[in-house]
């Protein structure tokens, strides 16, 4: 992966963390009136950080730091690399996916990821 892609991935993760921390700023009553999909921050769930989420955060942080030095021939190879990293710390891809999705709505997980994911 190119350094540019690594930067975009890092920015996206940071953006998710910021969105989770910012929460329901402003009003979305106009969008609700228009029948838009409800703002996820309005129904946020703060999944508590624990030892398992620390493993997930650590594996993701290490992956983001290493991504610029790696080359993958296929998208499948990217997933296989992720799965090897997750297995090395004793978690599954499904756990990673759930954790990754919960970063958007959980300030606790976003804070933990920020602490674990120090700059490379």
C-alpha atoms as a PDB file:
ATOM      1  CA  UNK A   1       0.000   0.000   0.000  1.00  0.00           C
ATOM      2  CA  UNK A   2       1.157   3.477  -0.740  1.00  0.00           C
ATOM      3  CA  UNK A   3       1.897   6.031   1.984  1.00  0.00           C
ATOM      4  CA  UNK A   4      -1.001   8.062   0.583  1.00  0.00           C
ATOM      5  CA  UNK A   5      -3.432   5.188   1.194  1.00  0.00           C
ATOM      6  CA  UNK A   6      -2.047   4.726   4.699  1.00  0.00           C
ATOM      7  CA  UNK A   7      -2.659   8.404   5.372  1.00  0.00           C
ATOM      8  CA  UNK A   8      -6.232   8.159   4.085  1.00  0.00           C
ATOM      9  CA  UNK A   9      -6.911   5.093   6.261  1.00  0.00           C
ATOM     10  CA  UNK A  10      -5.419   6.837   9.298  1.00  0.00           C
ATOM     11  CA  UNK A  11      -7.488   9.962   8.643  1.00  0.00           C
ATOM     12  CA  UNK A  12     -10.628   7.834   8.328  1.00  0.00           C
ATOM     13  CA  UNK A  13      -9.970   6.092  11.651  1.00  0.00           C
ATOM     14  CA  UNK A  14      -9.234   9.392  13.374  1.00  0.00           C
ATOM     15  CA  UNK A  15     -12.389  10.831  11.811  1.00  0.00           C
ATOM     16  CA  UNK A  16     -14.412   7.962  13.256  1.00  0.00           C
ATOM     17  CA  UNK A  17     -12.880   8.556  16.673  1.00  0.00           C
ATOM     18  CA  UNK A  18     -13.601  12.280  16.496  1.00  0.00           C
ATOM     19  CA  UNK A  19     -17.173  11.608  15.382  1.00  0.00           C
ATOM     20  CA  UNK A  20     -17.636   9.231  18.291  1.00  0.00           C
ATOM     21  CA  UNK A  21     -16.272  11.772  20.740  1.00  0.00           C
ATOM     22  CA  UNK A  22     -18.189  14.713  19.273  1.00  0.00           C
ATOM     23  CA  UNK A  23     -21.545  12.980  19.533  1.00  0.00           C
ATOM     24  CA  UNK A  24     -24.854  14.639  18.898  1.00  0.00           C
ATOM     25  CA  UNK A  25     -23.782  18.232  18.303  1.00  0.00           C
ATOM     26  CA  UNK A  26     -26.421  20.377  16.686  1.00  0.00           C
ATOM     27  CA  UNK A  27     -29.950  19.459  15.734  1.00  0.00           C
ATOM     28  CA  UNK A  28     -31.027  16.892  13.225  1.00  0.00           C
ATOM     29  CA  UNK A  29     -34.776  17.563  13.501  1.00  0.00           C
ATOM     30  CA  UNK A  30     -34.892  18.820   9.888  1.00  0.00           C
ATOM     31  CA  UNK A  31     -33.444  15.544   8.615  1.00  0.00           C
ATOM     32  CA  UNK A  32     -35.850  13.520  10.756  1.00  0.00           C
ATOM     33  CA  UNK A  33     -38.751  15.518   9.365  1.00  0.00           C
ATOM     34  CA  UNK A  34     -37.550  14.792   5.837  1.00  0.00           C
ATOM     35  CA  UNK A  35     -37.540  11.047   6.592  1.00  0.00           C
ATOM     36  CA  UNK A  36     -33.751  10.702   6.582  1.00  0.00           C
ATOM     37  CA  UNK A  37     -31.971   7.859   8.332  1.00  0.00           C
ATOM     38  CA  UNK A  38     -31.590   8.697  12.043  1.00  0.00           C
ATOM     39  CA  UNK A  39     -28.240  10.056  13.186  1.00  0.00           C
ATOM     40  CA  UNK A  40     -26.342   7.164  14.820  1.00  0.00           C
ATOM     41  CA  UNK A  41     -24.982   9.512  17.490  1.00  0.00           C
ATOM     42  CA  UNK A  42     -28.546  10.044  18.702  1.00  0.00           C
ATOM     43  CA  UNK A  43     -28.714   6.378  19.752  1.00  0.00           C
ATOM     44  CA  UNK A  44     -25.094   5.841  20.622  1.00  0.00           C
ATOM     45  CA  UNK A  45     -24.001   2.947  22.746  1.00  0.00           C
ATOM     46  CA  UNK A  46     -20.829   3.279  24.751  1.00  0.00           C
ATOM     47  CA  UNK A  47     -19.242  -0.152  24.544  1.00  0.00           C
ATOM     48  CA  UNK A  48     -16.838  -0.300  27.447  1.00  0.00           C
ATOM     49  CA  UNK A  49     -13.164  -0.830  26.706  1.00  0.00           C
ATOM     50  CA  UNK A  50     -11.639  -3.991  28.156  1.00  0.00           C
ATOM     51  CA  UNK A  51      -8.686  -6.344  27.673  1.00  0.00           C
ATOM     52  CA  UNK A  52     -10.131  -7.783  24.441  1.00  0.00           C
ATOM     53  CA  UNK A  53     -10.753  -4.372  22.915  1.00  0.00           C
ATOM     54  CA  UNK A  54      -7.199  -3.403  23.925  1.00  0.00           C
ATOM     55  CA  UNK A  55      -5.908  -6.386  21.900  1.00  0.00           C
ATOM     56  CA  UNK A  56      -8.037  -5.297  18.941  1.00  0.00           C
ATOM     57  CA  UNK A  57      -6.867  -1.694  19.216  1.00  0.00           C
ATOM     58  CA  UNK A  58      -3.244  -2.784  19.460  1.00  0.00           C
ATOM     59  CA  UNK A  59      -3.498  -5.073  16.431  1.00  0.00           C
ATOM     60  CA  UNK A  60      -5.171  -2.314  14.391  1.00  0.00           C
ATOM     61  CA  UNK A  61      -2.612   0.293  15.451  1.00  0.00           C
ATOM     62  CA  UNK A  62       0.276  -2.016  14.505  1.00  0.00           C
ATOM     63  CA  UNK A  63      -1.384  -2.801  11.174  1.00  0.00           C
ATOM     64  CA  UNK A  64      -1.834   0.878  10.357  1.00  0.00           C
ATOM     65  CA  UNK A  65       1.829   1.543  11.185  1.00  0.00           C
ATOM     66  CA  UNK A  66       3.029  -1.337   8.987  1.00  0.00           C
ATOM     67  CA  UNK A  67       0.717  -0.799   6.031  1.00  0.00           C
ATOM     68  CA  UNK A  68       3.000   1.673   4.235  1.00  0.00           C
ATOM     69  CA  UNK A  69       5.817  -0.861   4.095  1.00  0.00           C
ATOM     70  CA  UNK A  70       3.719  -3.698   2.716  1.00  0.00           C
ATOM     71  CA  UNK A  71       2.612  -4.620  -0.786  1.00  0.00           C
ATOM     72  CA  UNK A  72      -0.410  -6.790  -1.475  1.00  0.00           C
ATOM     73  CA  UNK A  73      -1.142  -8.399  -4.831  1.00  0.00           C
ATOM     74  CA  UNK A  74      -4.858  -8.786  -4.085  1.00  0.00           C
ATOM     75  CA  UNK A  75      -7.514  -7.513  -1.710  1.00  0.00           C
ATOM     76  CA  UNK A  76      -7.741 -11.041  -0.321  1.00  0.00           C
ATOM     77  CA  UNK A  77      -4.079 -10.772   0.731  1.00  0.00           C
ATOM     78  CA  UNK A  78      -4.911  -7.663   2.756  1.00  0.00           C
ATOM     79  CA  UNK A  79      -7.620  -9.557   4.639  1.00  0.00           C
ATOM     80  CA  UNK A  80      -5.319 -12.538   5.158  1.00  0.00           C
ATOM     81  CA  UNK A  81      -2.663 -10.235   6.636  1.00  0.00           C
ATOM     82  CA  UNK A  82      -5.238  -8.712   8.980  1.00  0.00           C
ATOM     83  CA  UNK A  83      -6.459 -12.155  10.027  1.00  0.00           C
ATOM     84  CA  UNK A  84      -2.877 -13.279  10.801  1.00  0.00           C
ATOM     85  CA  UNK A  85      -2.353 -10.194  12.957  1.00  0.00           C
ATOM     86  CA  UNK A  86      -5.618 -10.777  14.800  1.00  0.00           C
ATOM     87  CA  UNK A  87      -4.921 -14.488  15.364  1.00  0.00           C
ATOM     88  CA  UNK A  88      -1.512 -13.576  16.799  1.00  0.00           C
ATOM     89  CA  UNK A  89      -3.247 -11.668  19.623  1.00  0.00           C
ATOM     90  CA  UNK A  90      -6.057 -14.210  20.045  1.00  0.00           C
ATOM     91  CA  UNK A  91      -9.008 -12.437  18.425  1.00  0.00           C
ATOM     92  CA  UNK A  92     -11.116 -13.125  15.343  1.00  0.00           C
ATOM     93  CA  UNK A  93     -11.971 -11.131  12.265  1.00  0.00           C
ATOM     94  CA  UNK A  94     -15.599 -11.009  13.447  1.00  0.00           C
ATOM     95  CA  UNK A  95     -14.495  -9.482  16.770  1.00  0.00           C
ATOM     96  CA  UNK A  96     -12.366  -6.936  14.886  1.00  0.00           C
ATOM     97  CA  UNK A  97     -15.287  -6.029  12.610  1.00  0.00           C
ATOM     98  CA  UNK A  98     -17.628  -5.538  15.568  1.00  0.00           C
ATOM     99  CA  UNK A  99     -14.990  -3.449  17.395  1.00  0.00           C
ATOM    100  CA  UNK A 100     -14.320  -1.395  14.271  1.00  0.00           C
ATOM    101  CA  UNK A 101     -18.053  -0.668  13.816  1.00  0.00           C
ATOM    102  CA  UNK A 102     -18.455   0.200  17.511  1.00  0.00           C
ATOM    103  CA  UNK A 103     -15.669   2.823  17.350  1.00  0.00           C
ATOM    104  CA  UNK A 104     -18.209   5.173  15.769  1.00  0.00           C
ATOM    105  CA  UNK A 105     -20.569   5.063  18.724  1.00  0.00           C
ATOM    106  CA  UNK A 106     -18.315   4.330  21.672  1.00  0.00           C
ATOM    107  CA  UNK A 107     -16.239   7.097  23.234  1.00  0.00           C
ATOM    108  CA  UNK A 108     -14.691   4.483  25.539  1.00  0.00           C
ATOM    109  CA  UNK A 109     -13.333   2.473  22.590  1.00  0.00           C
ATOM    110  CA  UNK A 110     -12.240   5.594  20.710  1.00  0.00           C
ATOM    111  CA  UNK A 111     -10.322   6.811  23.773  1.00  0.00           C
ATOM    112  CA  UNK A 112      -8.673   3.420  24.201  1.00  0.00           C
ATOM    113  CA  UNK A 113      -7.712   3.265  20.513  1.00  0.00           C
ATOM    114  CA  UNK A 114      -6.241   6.765  20.699  1.00  0.00           C
ATOM    115  CA  UNK A 115      -4.148   5.742  23.711  1.00  0.00           C
ATOM    116  CA  UNK A 116      -2.945   2.493  22.134  1.00  0.00           C
ATOM    117  CA  UNK A 117      -2.530   3.907  18.630  1.00  0.00           C
ATOM    118  CA  UNK A 118       0.297   6.331  19.293  1.00  0.00           C
ATOM    119  CA  UNK A 119       1.926   7.727  16.136  1.00  0.00           C
ATOM    120  CA  UNK A 120       4.264   5.278  14.408  1.00  0.00           C
END
